[in-house]
Protein backbone atom coordinates (compact mmCIF):
# COMPACT_ATOMS: atom_id res chain seq x y z
CA MET A 1 76.35 74.27 102.05
CA LEU A 2 80.08 74.31 101.41
CA LEU A 3 81.82 77.39 102.87
CA SER A 4 85.10 79.07 102.11
CA VAL A 5 86.51 82.29 103.92
CA SER A 6 89.57 83.63 102.58
CA ASN A 7 91.56 86.53 100.83
CA LEU A 8 90.99 85.51 97.44
CA PHE A 9 94.69 84.70 96.33
CA GLN A 10 95.54 81.97 93.89
CA THR A 11 97.24 79.91 96.81
CA LYS A 12 93.87 79.38 98.74
CA GLY A 13 92.50 76.91 96.22
CA ILE A 14 89.04 78.47 95.77
CA ASP A 15 89.49 77.63 92.02
CA LEU A 16 90.00 73.97 93.10
CA ASN A 17 86.55 74.08 95.21
CA LEU A 18 85.02 75.21 91.89
CA TYR A 19 86.34 72.49 89.85
CA ALA A 20 85.51 70.05 92.43
CA LEU A 21 81.77 71.32 92.63
CA GLN A 22 81.53 71.07 88.86
CA LYS A 23 82.51 67.43 88.96
CA LEU A 24 79.70 66.85 91.83
CA SER A 25 77.12 69.18 90.57
CA LYS A 26 75.06 66.76 88.81
CA LYS A 27 75.14 64.34 91.60
CA TYR A 28 74.25 67.14 94.03
CA SER A 29 72.25 69.74 92.47
CA GLU A 30 71.19 71.38 95.58
CA LEU A 31 74.99 72.01 96.67
CA GLN A 32 75.73 75.54 97.25
CA TYR A 33 79.03 77.04 97.48
CA VAL A 34 79.49 80.35 99.48
CA VAL A 35 82.65 82.23 99.32
CA VAL A 36 83.26 84.96 101.66
CA GLY A 37 86.19 87.21 100.99
CA SER A 38 87.73 89.59 98.26
CA GLY A 39 91.18 89.91 96.50
CA PRO A 40 92.95 89.91 93.47
CA GLU A 41 91.49 86.43 92.10
CA GLU A 42 87.84 87.49 92.64
CA SER A 43 87.04 88.51 89.05
CA SER A 44 88.73 85.65 87.60
CA LEU A 45 86.95 82.90 89.95
CA ARG A 46 83.70 84.59 89.09
CA LYS A 47 84.21 83.91 85.65
CA LEU A 48 85.40 80.42 86.34
CA ALA A 49 82.35 79.66 87.95
CA GLN A 50 80.24 80.78 84.84
CA LYS A 51 82.64 79.26 82.47
CA LEU A 52 82.23 75.79 84.51
CA GLY A 53 78.38 76.32 84.26
CA ILE A 54 77.93 76.29 88.24
CA ASP A 55 77.47 80.07 88.87
CA LYS A 56 73.89 79.41 89.94
CA GLN A 57 75.30 77.24 92.63
CA VAL A 58 78.19 79.79 94.01
CA THR A 59 77.64 82.96 95.88
CA PHE A 60 80.47 85.38 96.19
CA LEU A 61 79.65 87.62 99.16
CA GLY A 62 82.88 89.75 99.24
CA PRO A 63 84.24 90.85 102.77
CA GLN A 64 81.95 90.17 105.65
CA PRO A 65 82.20 91.46 109.39
CA HIS A 66 83.15 88.86 111.54
CA ASN A 67 79.71 88.12 113.05
CA ARG A 68 78.42 87.47 109.67
CA VAL A 69 81.28 85.10 108.85
CA MET A 70 80.51 83.29 111.99
CA ALA A 71 76.74 83.02 111.28
CA TYR A 72 77.76 81.53 107.72
CA MET A 73 80.33 78.82 109.46
CA ASN A 74 77.28 78.06 111.91
CA VAL A 75 74.78 77.18 109.17
CA CYS A 76 77.35 75.53 106.51
CA ASP A 77 77.91 71.88 106.52
CA ILE A 78 81.41 71.84 105.31
CA PHE A 79 84.35 74.09 105.35
CA ALA A 80 86.80 73.74 102.67
CA LEU A 81 89.85 75.74 101.93
CA PRO A 82 92.26 73.82 99.98
CA SER A 83 95.16 76.20 100.49
CA TRP A 84 98.65 74.98 99.48
CA ASN A 85 100.23 77.73 101.42
CA GLU A 86 98.92 77.98 104.71
CA GLY A 87 100.49 78.47 108.21
CA PHE A 88 98.31 77.95 111.29
CA GLY A 89 94.99 79.04 109.67
CA VAL A 90 92.88 80.47 112.37
CA VAL A 91 89.81 80.24 109.91
CA TYR A 92 90.10 76.57 110.12
CA ILE A 93 89.84 76.63 113.92
CA GLU A 94 86.96 78.97 114.00
CA ALA A 95 84.95 76.57 111.44
CA MET A 96 85.97 73.61 113.73
CA ALA A 97 84.80 75.51 116.74
CA CYS A 98 81.43 75.56 115.04
CA GLY A 99 81.27 71.84 114.72
CA LYS A 100 82.01 71.72 111.01
CA PRO A 101 84.18 69.29 109.15
CA VAL A 102 87.19 71.00 107.53
CA ILE A 103 88.91 70.37 104.39
CA GLY A 104 92.54 71.41 104.09
CA CYS A 105 95.82 70.38 102.41
CA GLN A 106 98.36 67.75 103.42
CA GLY A 107 101.64 69.14 104.28
CA GLU A 108 100.42 72.66 105.60
CA GLY A 109 100.32 74.06 109.17
CA ILE A 110 96.83 72.73 109.60
CA GLU A 111 98.10 69.26 110.08
CA ASP A 112 99.15 70.37 113.53
CA PHE A 113 95.49 70.50 114.54
CA VAL A 114 93.42 68.73 111.58
CA GLU A 115 93.51 65.07 111.88
CA HIS A 116 92.49 63.31 108.72
CA GLY A 117 89.40 61.30 109.05
CA LYS A 118 88.68 62.44 112.67
CA THR A 119 88.30 66.32 112.66
CA GLY A 120 88.38 67.00 108.99
CA LEU A 121 89.82 65.64 105.82
CA LEU A 122 93.37 66.72 104.28
CA VAL A 123 93.76 66.53 100.41
CA LYS A 124 96.97 66.62 98.40
CA PRO A 125 97.82 70.03 97.19
CA LYS A 126 96.34 71.29 94.03
CA ASP A 127 94.61 68.03 93.57
CA VAL A 128 90.78 68.20 92.27
CA ASP A 129 90.11 64.76 92.37
CA SER A 130 91.03 63.97 95.76
CA LEU A 131 89.08 67.19 96.74
CA ALA A 132 86.08 66.06 94.79
CA ALA A 133 86.27 62.45 96.52
CA VAL A 134 86.46 64.00 99.98
CA LEU A 135 83.60 66.44 99.34
CA ASP A 136 81.57 63.49 97.78
CA PHE A 137 82.37 61.53 101.04
CA LEU A 138 81.19 64.07 103.49
CA ILE A 139 78.06 64.85 101.54
CA SER A 140 77.00 61.17 100.82
CA HIS A 141 77.88 60.31 104.64
CA PRO A 142 76.15 62.97 106.88
CA GLU A 143 76.69 61.20 109.91
CA ALA A 144 80.46 60.78 109.35
CA ALA A 145 80.48 64.45 108.65
CA LYS A 146 78.72 65.53 111.94
CA ALA A 147 80.93 63.17 113.98
CA MET A 148 84.02 64.89 112.48
CA GLY A 149 82.71 68.28 113.24
CA GLU A 150 81.64 67.21 116.71
CA GLN A 151 85.06 65.83 117.27
CA ALA A 152 86.67 69.10 115.78
CA ARG A 153 84.64 71.23 118.14
CA LYS A 154 85.88 69.01 121.03
CA ILE A 155 89.57 69.51 120.04
CA VAL A 156 89.10 73.20 119.67
CA LEU A 157 87.53 73.53 123.10
CA GLU A 158 90.33 71.32 124.72
CA ASN A 159 93.32 73.16 122.91
CA TYR A 160 92.39 76.36 121.21
CA THR A 161 90.41 78.56 123.35
CA TRP A 162 91.74 81.92 124.56
CA GLU A 163 91.70 80.33 128.02
CA LYS A 164 93.88 77.55 126.94
CA ASN A 165 96.21 79.94 125.20
CA ALA A 166 96.66 82.24 128.18
CA GLU A 167 97.32 79.20 130.47
CA ARG A 168 100.18 78.15 127.96
CA MET A 169 101.60 81.71 128.05
CA VAL A 170 101.33 81.77 131.86
CA LYS A 171 103.23 78.58 132.01
CA ILE A 172 106.01 79.82 129.66
CA TYR A 173 106.56 83.03 131.46
CA LYS A 174 106.70 81.02 134.73
CA GLU A 175 109.49 78.85 133.24
CA LEU A 176 111.37 81.66 131.94
CA LEU A 177 111.20 83.37 135.21
CA ASN A 178 112.42 80.18 137.17
CA GLY A 179 115.33 80.02 134.62
CA GLY A 180 113.90 77.46 132.05
């Protein structure tokens, strides 16, 4: 199962996932794509899935409460959000915390914590072919995908928990109080 969680804006790249899924649909007929979220592109994305003939493989769930989102993250195999206009992207951290390999775009804020080939895979922005290639790799190499997910979880637990965030904030405040 492939998962995206996002507001459905054009810059999030959900359409790119749909095109990549179509390229892989014959090879992986059991592949399901679940999209959590809503937004101005929802109607056109549903129509695109239908036009591409993959609407039976795609489920649009609309907005979901956080606990349901996390339940989907825990059962998915791959988290893919090829957004070409992304800052830090907490949703990637959440997927990584669930031990999932993530797919995002090169040159975006997620490069600060997604290491290509180690904790996930980074694709060229707006490039369906590179997206389809990394999806194909992760699906056809489940051990590598699992290892990336495990490494992603480790990175999150070492660096991105609330406790680690609080430790960094305390350090900054102490430095400020001590004159830098």
